[in-house]
Amino acid sequence: QVRLVESGGGLVQAGGSLTLSCVVSGCSYSGYAMAWFRQAAGKEREFVASISLSGTKIFYEDSVKGRFTISRNDAKNASSLQMSSLNPEDTAVYYCAADPSDFNFPRYNFWGQGTQVTVSS
């Protein structure tokens, strides 16, 4: 059974930085396309960033471009989301997602339980 566990969330002041991590365990596949989504209170879940199986295709939601960086560590079956210049609008539960295919975006097969990021003004 594939399981995703996120960590690294917390409370940070506006302008600060956080790094989220996601580890995939119970792996049944040789690799995963990875992504991060977020859901603010009262809003729908939205895409934040994605990285392909090869790591060569990376996409960001417009509001996080230049501030967030997604990466992957295949040796650890992990992904990270480095977030900087955070603002209160980034406050949300952040979810890691994974899929053995690059072509199922945004309907990833595997999801983490989420980690809360709160940015205070």
N, C-alpha and C. Protein backbone atom coordinates (compact mmCIF):
# COMPACT_ATOMS: atom_id res chain seq x y z
N GLN A 1 0.84 -1.19 0.00
CA GLN A 1 0.00 0.00 0.00
C GLN A 1 0.88 1.25 0.00
N VAL A 2 0.68 2.10 -0.97
CA VAL A 2 1.47 3.31 -1.08
C VAL A 2 0.98 4.33 -0.06
N ARG A 3 1.92 4.95 0.61
CA ARG A 3 1.58 5.95 1.62
C ARG A 3 2.48 7.16 1.44
N LEU A 4 1.88 8.36 1.55
CA LEU A 4 2.62 9.61 1.46
C LEU A 4 2.52 10.32 2.81
N VAL A 5 3.64 10.76 3.31
CA VAL A 5 3.66 11.47 4.58
C VAL A 5 4.36 12.81 4.38
N GLU A 6 3.61 13.90 4.66
CA GLU A 6 4.18 15.24 4.57
C GLU A 6 4.68 15.68 5.93
N SER A 7 5.65 16.57 5.91
CA SER A 7 6.15 17.19 7.14
C SER A 7 6.69 18.57 6.80
N GLY A 8 6.92 19.36 7.85
CA GLY A 8 7.54 20.65 7.66
C GLY A 8 6.62 21.84 7.76
N GLY A 9 5.33 21.59 7.89
CA GLY A 9 4.41 22.71 8.03
C GLY A 9 4.58 23.40 9.37
N GLY A 10 3.93 24.54 9.50
CA GLY A 10 3.99 25.26 10.76
C GLY A 10 3.56 26.69 10.61
N LEU A 11 3.89 27.48 11.61
CA LEU A 11 3.54 28.90 11.65
C LEU A 11 4.78 29.72 11.32
N VAL A 12 4.63 30.67 10.42
CA VAL A 12 5.75 31.50 10.02
C VAL A 12 5.24 32.92 9.78
N GLN A 13 6.08 33.89 10.00
CA GLN A 13 5.70 35.28 9.75
C GLN A 13 5.79 35.59 8.26
N ALA A 14 5.02 36.56 7.85
CA ALA A 14 5.07 37.00 6.45
C ALA A 14 6.51 37.36 6.08
N GLY A 15 6.89 36.93 4.89
CA GLY A 15 8.25 37.14 4.43
C GLY A 15 9.20 36.01 4.76
N GLY A 16 8.74 35.09 5.59
CA GLY A 16 9.57 33.98 6.01
C GLY A 16 9.57 32.82 5.03
N SER A 17 10.23 31.75 5.45
CA SER A 17 10.39 30.57 4.59
C SER A 17 10.05 29.29 5.34
N LEU A 18 9.63 28.31 4.59
CA LEU A 18 9.40 26.97 5.11
C LEU A 18 9.73 25.98 4.01
N THR A 19 10.13 24.79 4.41
CA THR A 19 10.33 23.72 3.44
C THR A 19 9.47 22.53 3.84
N LEU A 20 8.63 22.11 2.93
CA LEU A 20 7.79 20.93 3.13
C LEU A 20 8.46 19.71 2.51
N SER A 21 8.29 18.59 3.16
CA SER A 21 8.85 17.34 2.64
C SER A 21 7.75 16.30 2.54
N CYS A 22 7.93 15.41 1.59
CA CYS A 22 6.97 14.33 1.37
C CYS A 22 7.74 13.07 1.05
N VAL A 23 7.46 12.03 1.80
CA VAL A 23 8.12 10.75 1.58
C VAL A 23 7.09 9.72 1.17
N VAL A 24 7.41 8.99 0.12
CA VAL A 24 6.53 7.93 -0.38
C VAL A 24 7.03 6.59 0.13
N SER A 25 6.18 5.83 0.79
CA SER A 25 6.57 4.51 1.28
C SER A 25 5.61 3.46 0.75
N GLY A 26 6.00 2.21 0.94
CA GLY A 26 5.17 1.12 0.43
C GLY A 26 5.14 1.12 -1.08
N CYS A 27 6.28 1.52 -1.67
CA CYS A 27 6.33 1.77 -3.10
C CYS A 27 6.12 0.50 -3.91
N SER A 28 5.22 0.60 -4.84
CA SER A 28 4.97 -0.50 -5.75
C SER A 28 5.48 -0.21 -7.14
N TYR A 29 5.95 1.03 -7.37
CA TYR A 29 6.39 1.45 -8.68
C TYR A 29 7.83 1.94 -8.61
N SER A 30 8.43 2.03 -9.79
CA SER A 30 9.83 2.43 -9.83
C SER A 30 10.02 3.91 -9.62
N GLY A 31 8.99 4.69 -9.81
CA GLY A 31 9.10 6.13 -9.62
C GLY A 31 7.75 6.78 -9.68
N TYR A 32 7.72 8.03 -9.27
CA TYR A 32 6.45 8.75 -9.21
C TYR A 32 6.61 10.17 -9.71
N ALA A 33 5.63 10.62 -10.47
CA ALA A 33 5.49 12.06 -10.69
C ALA A 33 4.96 12.62 -9.38
N MET A 34 5.47 13.78 -8.98
CA MET A 34 5.11 14.34 -7.69
C MET A 34 4.50 15.73 -7.86
N ALA A 35 3.68 16.10 -6.92
CA ALA A 35 3.07 17.43 -6.97
C ALA A 35 2.67 17.87 -5.58
N TRP A 36 2.44 19.15 -5.49
CA TRP A 36 1.91 19.74 -4.27
C TRP A 36 0.66 20.54 -4.61
N PHE A 37 -0.34 20.38 -3.77
CA PHE A 37 -1.58 21.13 -3.86
C PHE A 37 -1.82 21.79 -2.51
N ARG A 38 -2.72 22.73 -2.47
CA ARG A 38 -3.07 23.34 -1.19
C ARG A 38 -4.55 23.67 -1.17
N GLN A 39 -5.06 23.73 0.04
CA GLN A 39 -6.47 24.07 0.23
C GLN A 39 -6.60 25.01 1.41
N ALA A 40 -7.00 26.23 1.09
CA ALA A 40 -7.26 27.21 2.15
C ALA A 40 -8.66 27.00 2.68
N ALA A 41 -8.88 27.47 3.88
CA ALA A 41 -10.18 27.31 4.53
C ALA A 41 -11.28 27.92 3.66
N GLY A 42 -12.31 27.15 3.40
CA GLY A 42 -13.44 27.63 2.63
C GLY A 42 -13.21 27.69 1.13
N LYS A 43 -12.07 27.18 0.68
CA LYS A 43 -11.76 27.24 -0.75
C LYS A 43 -11.50 25.83 -1.28
N GLU A 44 -11.52 25.72 -2.60
CA GLU A 44 -11.24 24.44 -3.22
C GLU A 44 -9.74 24.18 -3.24
N ARG A 45 -9.38 22.91 -3.32
CA ARG A 45 -7.98 22.55 -3.43
C ARG A 45 -7.42 23.09 -4.74
N GLU A 46 -6.22 23.63 -4.71
CA GLU A 46 -5.61 24.18 -5.90
C GLU A 46 -4.20 23.64 -6.11
N PHE A 47 -3.82 23.60 -7.35
CA PHE A 47 -2.48 23.16 -7.72
C PHE A 47 -1.44 24.19 -7.30
N VAL A 48 -0.29 23.70 -6.84
CA VAL A 48 0.80 24.57 -6.45
C VAL A 48 2.02 24.34 -7.35
N ALA A 49 2.47 23.09 -7.43
CA ALA A 49 3.67 22.79 -8.21
C ALA A 49 3.71 21.31 -8.53
N SER A 50 4.41 20.98 -9.63
CA SER A 50 4.55 19.57 -10.00
C SER A 50 5.91 19.34 -10.62
N ILE A 51 6.35 18.10 -10.52
CA ILE A 51 7.62 17.71 -11.12
C ILE A 51 7.43 16.33 -11.74
N SER A 52 7.92 16.17 -12.95
CA SER A 52 7.69 14.94 -13.69
C SER A 52 8.56 13.80 -13.17
N LEU A 53 8.29 12.62 -13.67
CA LEU A 53 9.07 11.44 -13.30
C LEU A 53 10.56 11.65 -13.54
N SER A 54 10.88 12.27 -14.66
CA SER A 54 12.29 12.49 -15.00
C SER A 54 12.88 13.68 -14.28
N GLY A 55 12.01 14.53 -13.74
CA GLY A 55 12.48 15.75 -13.10
C GLY A 55 12.74 16.89 -14.06
N THR A 56 12.49 16.65 -15.33
CA THR A 56 12.80 17.67 -16.33
C THR A 56 11.65 18.64 -16.59
N LYS A 57 10.46 18.24 -16.22
CA LYS A 57 9.30 19.11 -16.43
C LYS A 57 8.76 19.55 -15.08
N ILE A 58 8.83 20.83 -14.86
CA ILE A 58 8.39 21.43 -13.59
C ILE A 58 7.41 22.55 -13.91
N PHE A 59 6.33 22.57 -13.18
CA PHE A 59 5.31 23.60 -13.37
C PHE A 59 4.93 24.21 -12.02
N TYR A 60 4.57 25.48 -12.07
CA TYR A 60 4.15 26.19 -10.86
C TYR A 60 2.87 26.96 -11.15
N GLU A 61 2.07 27.06 -10.13
CA GLU A 61 0.93 27.98 -10.18
C GLU A 61 1.49 29.40 -10.21
N ASP A 62 0.83 30.28 -10.92
CA ASP A 62 1.39 31.61 -11.17
C ASP A 62 1.76 32.37 -9.90
N SER A 63 0.95 32.27 -8.87
CA SER A 63 1.19 33.09 -7.68
C SER A 63 2.40 32.65 -6.88
N VAL A 64 2.93 31.45 -7.15
CA VAL A 64 4.08 30.98 -6.38
C VAL A 64 5.37 30.98 -7.20
N LYS A 65 5.27 31.30 -8.48
CA LYS A 65 6.47 31.33 -9.32
C LYS A 65 7.49 32.31 -8.76
N GLY A 66 8.73 31.86 -8.71
CA GLY A 66 9.79 32.70 -8.19
C GLY A 66 9.91 32.67 -6.68
N ARG A 67 8.92 32.09 -6.01
CA ARG A 67 8.96 32.01 -4.54
C ARG A 67 9.07 30.57 -4.05
N PHE A 68 8.47 29.64 -4.77
CA PHE A 68 8.47 28.24 -4.38
C PHE A 68 9.35 27.44 -5.33
N THR A 69 9.96 26.39 -4.80
CA THR A 69 10.78 25.50 -5.62
C THR A 69 10.45 24.06 -5.25
N ILE A 70 10.06 23.28 -6.25
CA ILE A 70 9.78 21.86 -6.03
C ILE A 70 11.00 21.06 -6.47
N SER A 71 11.28 20.01 -5.75
CA SER A 71 12.39 19.14 -6.11
C SER A 71 12.03 17.70 -5.75
N ARG A 72 12.86 16.78 -6.21
CA ARG A 72 12.62 15.38 -5.91
C ARG A 72 13.93 14.70 -5.58
N ASN A 73 13.84 13.67 -4.78
CA ASN A 73 14.99 12.86 -4.42
C ASN A 73 14.57 11.41 -4.66
N ASP A 74 14.97 10.89 -5.79
CA ASP A 74 14.51 9.56 -6.18
C ASP A 74 15.08 8.47 -5.27
N ALA A 75 16.26 8.71 -4.75
CA ALA A 75 16.86 7.71 -3.87
C ALA A 75 16.03 7.52 -2.61
N LYS A 76 15.33 8.57 -2.21
CA LYS A 76 14.52 8.51 -1.00
C LYS A 76 13.03 8.47 -1.30
N ASN A 77 12.68 8.42 -2.58
CA ASN A 77 11.26 8.50 -2.96
C ASN A 77 10.59 9.67 -2.26
N ALA A 78 11.20 10.83 -2.43
CA ALA A 78 10.73 11.99 -1.70
C ALA A 78 10.65 13.21 -2.60
N SER A 79 9.88 14.17 -2.14
CA SER A 79 9.78 15.45 -2.81
C SER A 79 9.81 16.54 -1.75
N SER A 80 10.33 17.69 -2.12
CA SER A 80 10.34 18.84 -1.22
C SER A 80 9.74 20.05 -1.92
N LEU A 81 9.19 20.93 -1.12
CA LEU A 81 8.67 22.19 -1.62
C LEU A 81 9.28 23.29 -0.75
N GLN A 82 10.24 24.00 -1.33
CA GLN A 82 10.85 25.12 -0.63
C GLN A 82 10.01 26.36 -0.89
N MET A 83 9.58 27.00 0.18
CA MET A 83 8.71 28.16 0.07
C MET A 83 9.38 29.36 0.72
N SER A 84 9.45 30.45 -0.01
CA SER A 84 10.05 31.66 0.53
C SER A 84 9.14 32.85 0.25
N SER A 85 9.46 33.96 0.85
CA SER A 85 8.64 35.17 0.72
C SER A 85 7.17 34.85 0.94
N LEU A 86 6.91 34.11 1.97
CA LEU A 86 5.53 33.69 2.25
C LEU A 86 4.67 34.88 2.65
N ASN A 87 3.43 34.81 2.26
CA ASN A 87 2.47 35.84 2.64
C ASN A 87 1.20 35.17 3.17
N PRO A 88 0.35 35.92 3.84
CA PRO A 88 -0.84 35.31 4.46
C PRO A 88 -1.71 34.54 3.46
N GLU A 89 -1.67 34.92 2.19
CA GLU A 89 -2.47 34.22 1.18
C GLU A 89 -1.95 32.80 0.91
N ASP A 90 -0.77 32.49 1.40
CA ASP A 90 -0.23 31.14 1.26
C ASP A 90 -0.72 30.21 2.37
N THR A 91 -1.44 30.74 3.33
CA THR A 91 -1.96 29.92 4.42
C THR A 91 -2.93 28.89 3.88
N ALA A 92 -2.66 27.63 4.19
CA ALA A 92 -3.48 26.54 3.67
C ALA A 92 -2.97 25.21 4.22
N VAL A 93 -3.74 24.18 3.99
CA VAL A 93 -3.24 22.82 4.19
C VAL A 93 -2.59 22.41 2.87
N TYR A 94 -1.35 21.98 2.96
CA TYR A 94 -0.60 21.59 1.78
C TYR A 94 -0.58 20.06 1.67
N TYR A 95 -0.91 19.58 0.48
CA TYR A 95 -0.98 18.15 0.23
C TYR A 95 0.06 17.73 -0.80
N CYS A 96 0.71 16.64 -0.52
CA CYS A 96 1.61 16.02 -1.48
C CYS A 96 0.83 14.98 -2.27
N ALA A 97 1.15 14.86 -3.54
CA ALA A 97 0.49 13.88 -4.39
C ALA A 97 1.52 13.18 -5.25
N ALA A 98 1.23 11.93 -5.59
CA ALA A 98 2.16 11.15 -6.39
C ALA A 98 1.40 10.23 -7.34
N ASP A 99 2.03 9.93 -8.45
CA ASP A 99 1.42 9.03 -9.43
C ASP A 99 2.52 8.38 -10.24
N PRO A 100 2.37 7.11 -10.56
CA PRO A 100 3.41 6.45 -11.35
C PRO A 100 3.45 6.91 -12.81
N SER A 101 2.48 7.69 -13.21
CA SER A 101 2.42 8.20 -14.58
C SER A 101 2.49 9.72 -14.59
N ASP A 102 3.10 10.26 -15.62
CA ASP A 102 3.13 11.71 -15.83
C ASP A 102 1.82 12.22 -16.42
N PHE A 103 0.95 11.32 -16.83
CA PHE A 103 -0.20 11.73 -17.64
C PHE A 103 -1.51 11.75 -16.88
N ASN A 104 -1.48 11.57 -15.58
CA ASN A 104 -2.71 11.59 -14.81
C ASN A 104 -2.97 12.93 -14.13
N PHE A 105 -2.07 13.90 -14.31
CA PHE A 105 -2.28 15.23 -13.73
C PHE A 105 -3.64 15.75 -14.10
N PRO A 106 -4.42 16.35 -13.17
CA PRO A 106 -4.12 16.48 -11.75
C PRO A 106 -4.71 15.36 -10.89
N ARG A 107 -5.19 14.29 -11.54
CA ARG A 107 -5.83 13.20 -10.79
C ARG A 107 -4.80 12.18 -10.35
N TYR A 108 -3.92 12.62 -9.45
CA TYR A 108 -2.90 11.74 -8.92
C TYR A 108 -3.54 10.61 -8.12
N ASN A 109 -2.94 9.45 -8.18
CA ASN A 109 -3.52 8.29 -7.52
C ASN A 109 -3.29 8.27 -6.01
N PHE A 110 -2.21 8.90 -5.57
CA PHE A 110 -1.84 8.80 -4.17
C PHE A 110 -1.70 10.19 -3.55
N TRP A 111 -2.22 10.32 -2.35
CA TRP A 111 -2.24 11.62 -1.67
C TRP A 111 -1.81 11.47 -0.21
N GLY A 112 -1.15 12.51 0.28
CA GLY A 112 -0.83 12.55 1.69
C GLY A 112 -1.99 13.12 2.50
N GLN A 113 -1.81 13.16 3.80
CA GLN A 113 -2.87 13.62 4.69
C GLN A 113 -2.88 15.14 4.85
N GLY A 114 -1.84 15.79 4.40
CA GLY A 114 -1.79 17.24 4.46
C GLY A 114 -1.00 17.76 5.65
N THR A 115 -0.42 18.92 5.47
CA THR A 115 0.30 19.60 6.56
C THR A 115 -0.08 21.07 6.53
N GLN A 116 -0.36 21.62 7.69
CA GLN A 116 -0.85 23.00 7.79
C GLN A 116 0.31 23.99 7.71
N VAL A 117 0.13 24.99 6.87
CA VAL A 117 1.05 26.12 6.79
C VAL A 117 0.25 27.37 7.11
N THR A 118 0.69 28.10 8.10
CA THR A 118 0.02 29.33 8.50
C THR A 118 1.02 30.47 8.46
N VAL A 119 0.67 31.51 7.71
CA VAL A 119 1.55 32.67 7.58
C VAL A 119 0.87 33.85 8.26
N SER A 120 1.51 34.39 9.26
CA SER A 120 0.93 35.50 10.01
C SER A 120 1.43 36.83 9.43
N SER A 121 0.55 37.81 9.50
CA SER A 121 0.91 39.13 8.94
C SER A 121 1.59 40.00 9.96
